[in-house]
Each structure stands twice: as structure tokens, then as C-alpha cells.
Protein backbone atom coordinates (compact mmCIF):
# COMPACT_ATOMS: atom_id res chain seq x y z
CA UNK A 1 -16.87 178.29 182.72
CA UNK A 2 -17.31 175.85 185.60
CA UNK A 3 -21.03 176.64 185.75
CA UNK A 4 -21.38 176.10 181.98
CA UNK A 5 -19.61 172.75 182.12
CA UNK A 6 -21.70 171.77 185.14
CA UNK A 7 -25.04 172.67 183.47
CA UNK A 8 -24.52 170.73 180.21
CA UNK A 9 -24.97 167.21 181.67
CA UNK A 10 -27.89 168.44 183.77
CA UNK A 11 -29.62 169.77 180.62
CA UNK A 12 -28.96 166.50 178.82
CA UNK A 13 -30.38 164.53 181.74
CA UNK A 14 -33.46 166.78 181.86
CA UNK A 15 -34.07 166.37 178.12
CA UNK A 16 -33.60 162.63 178.39
CA UNK A 17 -36.18 162.38 181.17
CA UNK A 18 -38.69 164.37 179.12
CA UNK A 19 -38.14 162.14 176.09
CA UNK A 20 -38.31 159.03 178.25
CA UNK A 21 -41.66 160.05 179.79
CA UNK A 22 -43.11 160.94 176.39
CA UNK A 23 -41.80 157.71 174.84
CA UNK A 24 -43.18 155.53 177.63
CA UNK A 25 -46.60 157.19 177.34
CA UNK A 26 -46.63 156.55 173.58
CA UNK A 27 -45.48 152.95 174.07
CA UNK A 28 -48.23 152.29 176.62
CA UNK A 29 -50.86 153.57 174.18
CA UNK A 30 -49.36 151.50 171.36
CA UNK A 31 -49.37 148.31 173.46
CA UNK A 32 -52.94 149.07 174.56
CA UNK A 33 -54.11 149.29 170.95
CA UNK A 34 -52.18 146.17 169.89
CA UNK A 35 -53.74 144.20 172.74
CA UNK A 36 -57.27 144.94 171.54
CA UNK A 37 -58.87 141.77 170.20
CA UNK A 38 -60.89 142.05 167.01
CA UNK A 39 -64.57 141.23 167.38
CA UNK A 40 -64.60 139.94 163.80
CA UNK A 41 -62.79 136.62 163.71
CA UNK A 42 -62.80 133.42 161.68
CA UNK A 43 -65.54 130.97 162.56
CA UNK A 44 -64.48 127.45 163.56
CA UNK A 45 -63.93 125.46 160.39
CA UNK A 46 -63.81 128.53 158.13
CA UNK A 47 -62.53 127.67 154.65
CA UNK A 48 -60.37 129.41 152.08
CA UNK A 49 -62.05 131.47 149.36
CA UNK A 50 -60.53 130.16 146.14
CA UNK A 51 -61.35 130.04 142.41
CA UNK A 52 -63.74 132.95 142.79
CA UNK A 53 -66.35 133.52 140.07
CA UNK A 54 -67.55 136.75 141.68
CA UNK A 55 -71.32 136.32 142.20
CA UNK A 56 -72.17 138.63 145.13
CA UNK A 57 -75.60 138.70 146.79
CA UNK A 58 -77.16 140.57 149.70
CA UNK A 59 -80.04 138.69 151.34
CA UNK A 60 -82.32 140.87 153.55
CA UNK A 61 -79.30 142.67 155.01
CA UNK A 62 -79.90 145.20 157.78
CA UNK A 63 -77.15 146.94 159.74
CA UNK A 64 -76.85 149.30 162.69
CA UNK A 65 -73.76 150.78 164.31
CA UNK A 66 -75.32 151.33 167.73
CA UNK A 67 -77.83 148.49 167.74
CA UNK A 68 -80.78 150.89 167.53
CA UNK A 69 -80.97 153.08 164.45
CA UNK A 70 -80.57 151.04 161.27
CA UNK A 71 -78.27 152.43 158.59
CA UNK A 72 -79.31 149.72 156.12
CA UNK A 73 -82.76 148.13 156.00
CA UNK A 74 -83.65 144.88 154.22
CA UNK A 75 -81.14 145.23 151.40
CA UNK A 76 -81.47 142.67 148.60
CA UNK A 77 -78.93 142.94 145.77
CA UNK A 78 -77.69 140.40 143.25
CA UNK A 79 -74.48 141.29 141.41
CA UNK A 80 -73.64 138.70 138.73
CA UNK A 81 -69.99 137.83 138.17
CA UNK A 82 -68.17 140.30 135.94
CA UNK A 83 -70.89 142.96 136.08
CA UNK A 84 -70.52 146.58 137.20
CA UNK A 85 -73.14 147.93 139.60
CA UNK A 86 -73.30 151.59 140.61
CA UNK A 87 -74.64 152.74 143.96
CA UNK A 88 -75.95 156.31 144.17
CA UNK A 89 -78.10 158.31 146.51
CA UNK A 90 -78.05 161.12 149.07
CA UNK A 91 -75.35 161.31 151.74
CA UNK A 92 -76.09 159.25 154.82
CA UNK A 93 -77.93 156.55 152.92
CA UNK A 94 -75.40 153.84 153.87
CA UNK A 95 -73.55 153.41 150.56
CA UNK A 96 -70.05 153.23 152.08
CA UNK A 97 -71.32 151.05 154.93
CA UNK A 98 -72.76 148.60 152.42
CA UNK A 99 -69.36 148.38 150.67
CA UNK A 100 -67.55 147.79 153.95
CA UNK A 101 -69.79 144.85 154.82
CA UNK A 102 -68.46 142.76 151.92
CA UNK A 103 -64.85 142.44 153.23
CA UNK A 104 -66.28 142.17 156.78
CA UNK A 105 -64.94 145.45 158.12
CA UNK A 106 -68.25 145.32 159.97
CA UNK A 107 -70.27 142.23 160.77
CA UNK A 108 -73.76 141.74 159.37
CA UNK A 109 -76.26 141.26 162.19
CA UNK A 110 -79.39 140.61 160.14
CA UNK A 111 -79.49 138.77 156.83
CA UNK A 112 -76.44 137.49 154.98
CA UNK A 113 -73.98 138.30 152.20
CA UNK A 114 -72.81 135.50 149.92
CA UNK A 115 -70.01 135.14 147.40
CA UNK A 116 -70.52 132.34 144.88
CA UNK A 117 -73.45 131.13 146.95
CA UNK A 118 -71.52 130.78 150.24
CA UNK A 119 -71.98 133.06 153.26
CA UNK A 120 -68.89 135.25 153.63
CA UNK A 121 -68.75 134.32 157.33
CA UNK A 122 -67.80 130.79 156.29
CA UNK A 123 -64.60 132.04 154.62
CA UNK A 124 -61.40 133.00 156.41
CA UNK A 125 -60.91 136.75 156.72
CA UNK A 126 -57.51 136.59 155.05
CA UNK A 127 -58.71 134.76 151.97
CA UNK A 128 -61.88 136.90 151.74
CA UNK A 129 -59.97 140.17 151.77
CA UNK A 130 -57.30 138.77 149.46
CA UNK A 131 -59.96 138.45 146.77
CA UNK A 132 -61.37 141.97 147.19
CA UNK A 133 -59.78 145.17 145.88
CA UNK A 134 -60.76 148.51 147.43
CA UNK A 135 -60.11 151.97 145.96
CA UNK A 136 -61.29 154.82 148.16
CA UNK A 137 -61.41 158.59 147.95
CA UNK A 138 -58.89 159.00 150.80
CA UNK A 139 -55.64 157.30 149.84
CA UNK A 140 -52.98 156.26 152.34
CA UNK A 141 -49.41 156.11 151.12
CA UNK A 142 -46.57 154.99 153.35
CA UNK A 143 -43.35 156.96 153.74
CA UNK A 144 -41.12 155.17 151.25
CA UNK A 145 -40.61 154.84 147.52
CA UNK A 146 -43.22 154.68 144.78
CA UNK A 147 -42.14 151.09 144.08
CA UNK A 148 -42.72 150.08 147.71
CA UNK A 149 -46.16 151.71 147.77
CA UNK A 150 -47.28 149.93 144.60
CA UNK A 151 -45.86 146.62 145.82
CA UNK A 152 -48.05 146.94 148.88
CA UNK A 153 -50.77 145.47 146.63
CA UNK A 154 -48.81 142.20 146.46
CA UNK A 155 -45.52 142.03 148.31
CA UNK A 156 -44.05 139.19 146.24
CA UNK A 157 -44.57 141.01 142.90
CA UNK A 158 -41.66 141.22 140.44
CA UNK A 159 -40.29 144.45 139.00
CA UNK A 160 -41.94 143.70 135.64
CA UNK A 161 -45.33 143.19 137.30
CA UNK A 162 -45.01 146.49 139.19
CA UNK A 163 -44.21 148.37 135.97
CA UNK A 164 -47.09 146.70 134.13
CA UNK A 165 -49.49 147.66 136.94
CA UNK A 166 -48.26 151.27 136.78
CA UNK A 167 -48.78 151.36 133.02
CA UNK A 168 -52.34 150.07 133.30
CA UNK A 169 -53.03 152.68 135.98
CA UNK A 170 -51.75 155.43 133.64
CA UNK A 171 -48.98 156.50 136.06
CA UNK A 172 -45.86 154.88 134.53
CA UNK A 173 -44.92 157.82 132.29
CA UNK A 174 -45.10 160.23 135.21
CA UNK A 175 -42.94 157.96 137.38
CA UNK A 176 -40.35 157.65 134.62
CA UNK A 177 -40.18 161.45 134.32
CA UNK A 178 -39.01 161.73 137.94
CA UNK A 179 -35.21 161.89 138.57
CA UNK A 180 -35.29 158.75 140.75
CA UNK A 181 -38.11 156.99 138.89
CA UNK A 182 -39.67 154.20 140.94
CA UNK A 183 -37.17 154.91 143.76
CA UNK A 184 -38.65 158.38 144.34
CA UNK A 185 -39.57 159.01 147.97
CA UNK A 186 -43.23 159.99 148.32
CA UNK A 187 -42.94 161.53 151.79
CA UNK A 188 -45.21 161.01 154.77
CA UNK A 189 -48.69 160.06 153.51
CA UNK A 190 -47.55 160.87 149.97
CA UNK A 191 -47.10 164.58 150.66
CA UNK A 192 -44.83 165.01 147.60
CA UNK A 193 -47.52 163.82 145.18
CA UNK A 194 -50.76 165.39 143.98
CA UNK A 195 -54.14 163.88 144.75
CA UNK A 196 -54.47 162.41 141.26
CA UNK A 197 -51.00 160.88 141.35
CA UNK A 198 -51.67 159.25 144.71
CA UNK A 199 -54.98 157.95 143.43
CA UNK A 200 -53.35 156.34 140.38
CA UNK A 201 -50.71 154.70 142.60
CA UNK A 202 -53.54 153.21 144.66
CA UNK A 203 -55.14 151.94 141.43
CA UNK A 204 -51.79 150.42 140.42
CA UNK A 205 -51.83 148.55 143.74
CA UNK A 206 -55.17 146.98 142.87
CA UNK A 207 -53.98 146.08 139.35
CA UNK A 208 -51.06 144.32 141.01
CA UNK A 209 -53.34 142.55 143.47
CA UNK A 210 -55.65 141.47 140.60
CA UNK A 211 -58.74 140.66 142.71
CA UNK A 212 -61.92 139.20 141.18
CA UNK A 213 -64.14 141.58 143.22
CA UNK A 214 -63.63 145.35 143.14
CA UNK A 215 -65.08 148.09 145.37
CA UNK A 216 -64.74 151.70 144.20
CA UNK A 217 -65.79 154.16 146.90
CA UNK A 218 -66.02 157.67 145.37
CA UNK A 219 -62.57 157.20 143.86
CA UNK A 220 -62.74 160.37 141.71
CA UNK A 221 -64.90 162.76 143.75
CA UNK A 222 -62.06 164.99 145.01
CA UNK A 223 -60.27 165.47 141.68
CA UNK A 224 -60.31 168.09 138.96
CA UNK A 225 -61.99 167.23 135.67
CA UNK A 226 -58.82 166.54 133.67
CA UNK A 227 -57.38 164.23 136.32
CA UNK A 228 -60.77 162.58 136.77
CA UNK A 229 -60.87 161.65 133.08
CA UNK A 230 -57.45 159.96 133.31
CA UNK A 231 -58.38 158.06 136.45
CA UNK A 232 -61.78 157.12 135.06
CA UNK A 233 -60.06 155.45 132.09
CA UNK A 234 -57.81 153.54 134.50
CA UNK A 235 -60.83 152.46 136.56
CA UNK A 236 -62.68 151.29 133.45
CA UNK A 237 -59.66 149.19 132.51
CA UNK A 238 -59.47 147.89 136.07
CA UNK A 239 -63.16 146.90 136.11
CA UNK A 240 -63.03 144.73 132.99
CA UNK A 241 -63.95 141.13 133.81
CA UNK A 242 -64.39 141.84 137.54
CA UNK A 243 -67.46 142.05 139.72
CA UNK A 244 -67.47 145.77 140.51
CA UNK A 245 -69.47 147.85 142.97
CA UNK A 246 -69.08 151.60 142.39
CA UNK A 247 -70.13 154.39 144.74
CA UNK A 248 -70.26 157.72 142.94
CA UNK A 249 -71.57 161.23 143.54
CA UNK A 250 -70.53 162.36 140.06
CA UNK A 251 -73.21 160.54 138.12
CA UNK A 252 -71.46 161.12 134.78
CA UNK A 253 -68.90 158.49 135.78
CA UNK A 254 -71.41 155.64 136.15
CA UNK A 255 -73.63 156.06 133.06
CA UNK A 256 -72.15 152.90 131.51
CA UNK A 257 -72.74 150.65 134.54
CA UNK A 258 -74.67 147.45 133.87
CA UNK A 259 -77.29 148.69 136.30
CA UNK A 260 -77.66 151.43 138.90
CA UNK A 261 -79.14 151.21 142.39
CA UNK A 262 -80.52 154.24 144.22
CA UNK A 263 -80.01 153.80 147.97
CA UNK A 264 -81.68 156.04 150.55
CA UNK A 265 -82.41 155.76 154.26
CA UNK A 266 -85.49 153.72 153.31
CA UNK A 267 -83.44 151.15 151.37
CA UNK A 268 -83.13 150.57 147.63
CA UNK A 269 -85.66 152.85 145.95
CA UNK A 270 -84.81 152.43 142.27
CA UNK A 271 -82.96 149.99 140.03
CA UNK A 272 -82.14 150.01 136.33
CA UNK A 273 -79.81 151.32 133.65
CA UNK A 274 -79.09 155.02 133.25
CA UNK A 275 -81.58 155.33 130.39
CA UNK A 276 -84.31 153.44 132.25
CA UNK A 277 -83.94 155.54 135.39
CA UNK A 278 -83.90 158.80 133.43
CA UNK A 279 -87.11 157.79 131.66
CA UNK A 280 -88.68 156.91 135.00
CA UNK A 281 -88.14 160.46 136.23
CA UNK A 282 -87.63 159.52 139.87
CA UNK A 283 -84.90 160.09 142.44
CA UNK A 284 -82.02 159.25 140.07
CA UNK A 285 -83.31 161.58 137.36
CA UNK A 286 -83.63 164.40 139.89
CA UNK A 287 -80.07 163.82 141.15
CA UNK A 288 -78.69 163.68 137.61
CA UNK A 289 -80.52 166.78 136.41
CA UNK A 290 -79.54 168.76 139.50
CA UNK A 291 -75.86 168.04 138.81
CA UNK A 292 -75.98 169.08 135.17
CA UNK A 293 -78.53 171.87 135.05
CA UNK A 294 -75.81 174.53 135.17
CA UNK A 295 -73.53 172.86 132.65
CA UNK A 296 -73.73 172.38 128.92
CA UNK A 297 -73.21 168.89 127.61
CA UNK A 298 -69.83 167.65 126.46
CA UNK A 299 -71.13 167.52 122.89
CA UNK A 300 -72.30 171.14 122.97
CA UNK A 301 -69.01 172.20 124.52
CA UNK A 302 -67.06 170.41 121.79
CA UNK A 303 -69.29 171.95 119.12
CA UNK A 304 -68.72 175.43 120.49
CA UNK A 305 -64.98 174.91 120.59
CA UNK A 306 -65.03 173.64 117.03
CA UNK A 307 -67.14 176.58 115.94
CA UNK A 308 -64.81 179.01 117.66
CA UNK A 309 -61.81 177.43 115.96
């Protein structure tokens, strides 16, 4: 009994020392990361980006991660305000990189990007990113409630605005069906929700943010067909009246874009509407036909179902 009583405080002290060492190591790493200074900062005299029309232009933009091999070469794109532009092409062509240059996640070294005729470097980072909405394939949800995760789009949003954003993202009915509704805990990284549900919450965030410029980076590529249709409708609603740049591997989702750009390692190879590019019979037509050669069209499928009924 004496030995047992004697060992208990020793075990507690040992466990405390292990936790202390682990905690201090983690804290040192955290402080080290927080002390890192961003290489992308506001220029002296940078101004606020306000009253955005949404005209986005790339002027001879080239970019390299390592300073040697160029991911993008002499890119020239003009996206008029309110138009939807789709970006397609083989993997490794720099589509995602091009999207990330607009909010200055990376800094353009050659050429320039302008919004409403002004170089984005002349705007403050905060105001630039405030006017850009980004929906990606990989969604990050914080451990908390659905309401808190949607409000992340705009922290001062009212309850009515949150609900309206959820409705427009086609997720409100699902949230209401949950026992705790908007107070439902999503778990770490949204583990309690499906991929489609997490994606629609991320779309609700952007509805709440209401940015004039929208970047959609393969937002439906990891979803099943039924969920993709629901999310595609939400994205179409989201894109109305906004300058939108869409990256898509599923070419069926971008047929209605105002124009389509085909980006490869050599730069922009083709430009035009879906019909124009299909008639041209180039890279886009090959990509489109390769995706659908093993599938019957939606019309044929519907006709067969109707015939079977």
C-alpha cells in the first residue's frame, strides 16, 4: 500500500514532464511559423479596392515557382465584367496557379494583372481579397457549428443573411432536417458531413461574402453525378452578375461559359465558345470527346428511360 501511494505522484510527475516537453516543442514550432514574415505585402501608398466593376486582365503574365522553369508563359486574357470564363487543359498546365495569382497568393514576376484597369499590386491585400470569392475542390471546415462555418464568409452577417445564403446554396433544407439545425456540430474538418454537403456550405460562405469576382477551382470534380447537379445549379446561381473564372476537368459543366480557354504548358492554345471549339476540332474537342466517348448523351439516356417506362 505504501509503495502504491508513493508511486502515484511519481507517475503524475512523469506524465506532466512528458506533456510539458511535447507542449513546449509544439509551442516553439507555432511561434516559429507565426514569426515568418510574408513576402507578399502592401506597397507603399496602396489603395483600397472599392466599387468594383470586375474587369480582369492578364498582360503578358509569366510565372515560375523556382525562378527557372516557367509554369505560365506570356498569358494574355481579358475577362469583361460579369462574364464567365472557363479554363481547361491537361494537368500541370498552370490552371490553378493562374487562379491563385489574382488574389496574390503568389506574386507575378513578369507582366501584370489588372482589375478595372489598375494593377492589383496597387491595391491593399485585404481589400483585394475581400472582393474575391474562392471555391475549391478541397474544402476546409472548422470544428464548430454549421452557422459558424457559413458566417466565416462574413463575420458580421445576421441570422437572416446566413439562412438566405444557405437557401441559395441549396443546403438550407438539409440543415433544417438536422436535430440541432444550424447549431449542428460539423466535427474536425467537417468529418460529420459528406463531401457534397461540405461543398455547399463553402458555396453558402461565398454567397454571404457576395464578392464581385469569383474563382471556381474544380469545385465539383470529386462528387457523384447527383450531387454535382445540385452543386452546379448553386454555382450557376452564384455566378450570375459576377466576373467568374472556372477551372473544370468535367467539361460538361462549362458548356455554357461565355468563352473557354485551353491552357497547356505552351500557354493559351485555343479560345472560343463550346460550339466554336468543337467545330475547330483541336485540343478542346479531343478532351471533350475523350470524356464522353463511353457515355450516351443525356438526351439518349432520357429517351431510353422514357421508352422503358
